[in-house]
Structure formats: structure tokens, C-alpha cells
C-alpha atoms as a PDB file:
ATOM      1  CA  MET A   1      89.033 -89.654 -67.469  1.00  0.00           C
ATOM      2  CA  ILE A   2      85.832 -91.098 -66.018  1.00  0.00           C
ATOM      3  CA  ASN A   3      82.800 -90.039 -68.025  1.00  0.00           C
ATOM      4  CA  TYR A   4      79.844 -89.469 -65.689  1.00  0.00           C
ATOM      5  CA  ASP A   5      77.340 -88.661 -68.451  1.00  0.00           C
ATOM      6  CA  GLY A   6      74.040 -90.438 -67.797  1.00  0.00           C
ATOM      7  CA  LYS A   7      75.249 -92.055 -64.572  1.00  0.00           C
ATOM      8  CA  LYS A   8      72.883 -92.012 -61.593  1.00  0.00           C
ATOM      9  CA  PHE A   9      73.927 -91.936 -57.948  1.00  0.00           C
ATOM     10  CA  ARG A  10      72.192 -92.067 -54.571  1.00  0.00           C
ATOM     11  CA  ALA A  11      73.501 -91.171 -51.146  1.00  0.00           C
ATOM     12  CA  ILE A  12      74.239 -94.093 -48.846  1.00  0.00           C
ATOM     13  CA  LEU A  13      75.885 -91.983 -46.139  1.00  0.00           C
ATOM     14  CA  ASN A  14      75.653 -88.306 -45.197  1.00  0.00           C
ATOM     15  CA  SER A  15      76.723 -86.091 -42.303  1.00  0.00           C
ATOM     16  CA  GLU A  16      73.921 -84.944 -39.989  1.00  0.00           C
ATOM     17  CA  ASN A  17      74.283 -81.331 -41.109  1.00  0.00           C
ATOM     18  CA  GLY A  18      73.628 -82.295 -44.747  1.00  0.00           C
ATOM     19  CA  GLU A  19      70.296 -82.250 -46.577  1.00  0.00           C
ATOM     20  CA  VAL A  20      70.868 -85.233 -48.870  1.00  0.00           C
ATOM     21  CA  SER A  21      68.691 -88.292 -48.199  1.00  0.00           C
ATOM     22  CA  GLU A  22      68.724 -91.840 -49.604  1.00  0.00           C
ATOM     23  CA  ASP A  23      65.675 -91.176 -51.796  1.00  0.00           C
ATOM     24  CA  LEU A  24      67.456 -88.403 -53.692  1.00  0.00           C
ATOM     25  CA  ILE A  25      68.780 -89.408 -57.116  1.00  0.00           C
ATOM     26  CA  PHE A  26      71.555 -87.476 -58.830  1.00  0.00           C
ATOM     27  CA  GLU A  27      71.681 -87.916 -62.609  1.00  0.00           C
ATOM     28  CA  TYR A  28      74.854 -86.458 -64.051  1.00  0.00           C
ATOM     29  CA  ARG A  29      75.399 -84.921 -67.466  1.00  0.00           C
ATOM     30  CA  GLN A  30      78.913 -84.405 -68.767  1.00  0.00           C
ATOM     31  CA  ILE A  31      80.293 -82.739 -71.890  1.00  0.00           C
ATOM     32  CA  GLY A  32      84.080 -82.814 -72.012  1.00  0.00           C
ATOM     33  CA  ASP A  33      85.195 -81.929 -68.506  1.00  0.00           C
ATOM     34  CA  LEU A  34      82.009 -79.964 -67.672  1.00  0.00           C
ATOM     35  CA  LEU A  35      79.569 -81.717 -65.298  1.00  0.00           C
ATOM     36  CA  SER A  36      76.031 -80.704 -64.322  1.00  0.00           C
ATOM     37  CA  CYS A  37      73.161 -82.266 -62.385  1.00  0.00           C
ATOM     38  CA  HIS A  38      69.596 -81.501 -61.259  1.00  0.00           C
ATOM     39  CA  TYR A  39      68.211 -83.185 -58.134  1.00  0.00           C
ATOM     40  CA  SER A  40      65.305 -83.149 -55.652  1.00  0.00           C
ATOM     41  CA  GLY A  41      64.097 -85.316 -52.762  1.00  0.00           C
ATOM     42  CA  THR A  42      62.290 -85.412 -49.429  1.00  0.00           C
ATOM     43  CA  GLN A  43      64.428 -82.609 -47.962  1.00  0.00           C
ATOM     44  CA  ILE A  44      65.292 -80.685 -51.142  1.00  0.00           C
ATOM     45  CA  ARG A  45      62.691 -79.081 -53.404  1.00  0.00           C
ATOM     46  CA  LYS A  46      65.157 -78.413 -56.196  1.00  0.00           C
ATOM     47  CA  GLY A  47      68.923 -78.505 -56.512  1.00  0.00           C
ATOM     48  CA  PHE A  48      71.551 -77.959 -59.157  1.00  0.00           C
ATOM     49  CA  LEU A  49      75.278 -78.604 -59.249  1.00  0.00           C
ATOM     50  CA  LEU A  50      77.961 -77.546 -61.672  1.00  0.00           C
ATOM     51  CA  GLY A  51      81.490 -78.877 -61.724  1.00  0.00           C
ATOM     52  CA  ILE A  52      84.714 -79.649 -63.523  1.00  0.00           C
ATOM     53  CA  VAL A  53      86.013 -83.230 -63.857  1.00  0.00           C
ATOM     54  CA  SER A  54      89.789 -83.693 -63.617  1.00  0.00           C
ATOM     55  CA  PRO A  55      91.642 -86.268 -65.762  1.00  0.00           C
ATOM     56  CA  SER A  56      91.638 -88.612 -62.706  1.00  0.00           C
ATOM     57  CA  GLY A  57      87.840 -88.318 -62.354  1.00  0.00           C
ATOM     58  CA  VAL A  58      87.826 -86.033 -59.295  1.00  0.00           C
ATOM     59  CA  ILE A  59      84.954 -83.548 -59.461  1.00  0.00           C
ATOM     60  CA  GLU A  60      85.285 -80.012 -58.125  1.00  0.00           C
ATOM     61  CA  MET A  61      81.788 -78.552 -57.884  1.00  0.00           C
ATOM     62  CA  THR A  62      79.505 -75.940 -56.452  1.00  0.00           C
ATOM     63  CA  TYR A  63      75.849 -76.517 -55.667  1.00  0.00           C
ATOM     64  CA  GLN A  64      72.733 -74.573 -54.832  1.00  0.00           C
ATOM     65  CA  GLN A  65      69.412 -75.857 -53.606  1.00  0.00           C
ATOM     66  CA  VAL A  66      66.112 -74.818 -52.059  1.00  0.00           C
ATOM     67  CA  ASN A  67      64.893 -77.002 -49.198  1.00  0.00           C
ATOM     68  CA  PHE A  68      61.306 -77.480 -47.998  1.00  0.00           C
ATOM     69  CA  GLN A  69      61.762 -74.682 -45.440  1.00  0.00           C
ATOM     70  CA  ASN A  70      62.251 -72.357 -48.461  1.00  0.00           C
ATOM     71  CA  GLU A  71      65.884 -71.778 -47.537  1.00  0.00           C
ATOM     72  CA  LEU A  72      68.361 -71.214 -50.356  1.00  0.00           C
ATOM     73  CA  ARG A  73      71.517 -73.185 -49.511  1.00  0.00           C
ATOM     74  CA  THR A  74      74.816 -73.057 -51.384  1.00  0.00           C
ATOM     75  CA  GLY A  75      78.008 -75.028 -51.064  1.00  0.00           C
ATOM     76  CA  LYS A  76      81.145 -76.438 -52.601  1.00  0.00           C
ATOM     77  CA  CYS A  77      82.371 -80.003 -52.821  1.00  0.00           C
ATOM     78  CA  ILE A  78      85.282 -82.197 -53.874  1.00  0.00           C
ATOM     79  CA  SER A  79      84.085 -85.608 -55.019  1.00  0.00           C
ATOM     80  CA  THR A  80      86.671 -88.387 -55.359  1.00  0.00           C
ATOM     81  CA  PRO A  81      85.714 -91.549 -57.275  1.00  0.00           C
ATOM     82  CA  GLU A  82      86.391 -95.120 -56.241  1.00  0.00           C
ATOM     83  CA  VAL A  83      85.739 -97.802 -58.861  1.00  0.00           C
ATOM     84  CA  MET A  84      84.398-100.884 -57.079  1.00  0.00           C
ATOM     85  CA  GLU A  85      85.014-104.520 -58.075  1.00  0.00           C
ATOM     86  CA  ASN A  86      81.623-104.644 -59.839  1.00  0.00           C
ATOM     87  CA  GLY A  87      82.655-101.691 -62.040  1.00  0.00           C
ATOM     88  CA  ARG A  88      80.296 -99.212 -60.395  1.00  0.00           C
ATOM     89  CA  ILE A  89      81.541 -95.963 -58.915  1.00  0.00           C
ATOM     90  CA  CYS A  90      81.383 -94.690 -55.341  1.00  0.00           C
ATOM     91  CA  LEU A  91      81.905 -90.964 -54.850  1.00  0.00           C
ATOM     92  CA  HIS A  92      83.551 -89.837 -51.610  1.00  0.00           C
ATOM     93  CA  GLU A  93      82.399 -86.260 -51.110  1.00  0.00           C
ATOM     94  CA  VAL A  94      83.882 -83.667 -48.804  1.00  0.00           C
ATOM     95  CA  TRP A  95      81.622 -80.620 -48.836  1.00  0.00           C
ATOM     96  CA  GLU A  96      81.141 -77.280 -47.154  1.00  0.00           C
ATOM     97  CA  TRP A  97      78.158 -74.949 -46.915  1.00  0.00           C
ATOM     98  CA  THR A  98      79.015 -71.477 -48.256  1.00  0.00           C
ATOM     99  CA  ASN A  99      76.037 -69.851 -46.554  1.00  0.00           C
ATOM    100  CA  GLY A 100      74.131 -70.505 -43.337  1.00  0.00           C
ATOM    101  CA  ASP A 101      76.279 -72.092 -40.639  1.00  0.00           C
ATOM    102  CA  LEU A 102      79.276 -72.636 -43.005  1.00  0.00           C
ATOM    103  CA  SER A 103      79.753 -76.146 -41.610  1.00  0.00           C
ATOM    104  CA  SER A 104      81.322 -78.996 -43.545  1.00  0.00           C
ATOM    105  CA  GLY A 105      80.598 -82.684 -43.920  1.00  0.00           C
ATOM    106  CA  TYR A 106      81.052 -85.963 -45.786  1.00  0.00           C
ATOM    107  CA  SER A 107      78.761 -87.895 -48.105  1.00  0.00           C
ATOM    108  CA  LEU A 108      79.135 -91.216 -49.875  1.00  0.00           C
ATOM    109  CA  LEU A 109      77.260 -91.678 -53.139  1.00  0.00           C
ATOM    110  CA  GLU A 110      76.878 -95.002 -54.923  1.00  0.00           C
ATOM    111  CA  GLU A 111      76.185 -95.512 -58.611  1.00  0.00           C
ATOM    112  CA  ILE A 112      72.826 -97.160 -59.306  1.00  0.00           C
ATOM    113  CA  GLY A 113      71.312 -98.940 -62.317  1.00  0.00           C
END
């Protein structure tokens, strides 16, 4: 199992209907198979995600966030890891809003530092 505890990620690609920007840093905490994360950025005032990590490292999560228009947004996501040649992890994320327009999208996160 991949242990994400203390790992930091940033978005390098996001669908237009998403609110994640390149300046946003996700710092994961993991205990056993339980994953959590707080985040904020230029489009998001505050966000939180909670998920379960499978033995293969796939994360099934839900998230909630408040953007700078004071909208509460919620969603769900499946995040599939890819270990790159340099040992860092890329997360391929397929997500869906569970409120608002209920649209879906794709994000690519890359491990930093």
C-alpha cells in the first residue's frame, strides 16, 4: 500500500468546471487506510477531504469546500496513483460534484518536495 502521510501535491491539470488551481497545495495525512487533507487557494477559501486508501493505493474520497463566492461545494473522487521514474507520485483524479450542476471532471496532481 502507498502511504500518503505527509506527502504534498499540487494540481498540474484540471477540468474547466473544477475549482482547483496550481497554487493550491494538498498535504495528506494517513493513518492505516484512512486519508484526510485540508486545502485552500486562490479559488477555494477552505476545503477538506476524507478518503479510504485501497491496498493498491487508489483513494476513494469525498470532499467539501467553500469558494470565494461563499458557495459550499461537495463532491466525490477516485484518485489513481502512478509512480513516476523519479519515485514521485502522480494522482489521476476522476471527480464529480454532488451539489450544484452535478458535473464531472478530471484532475492531475503531482507530488512536490
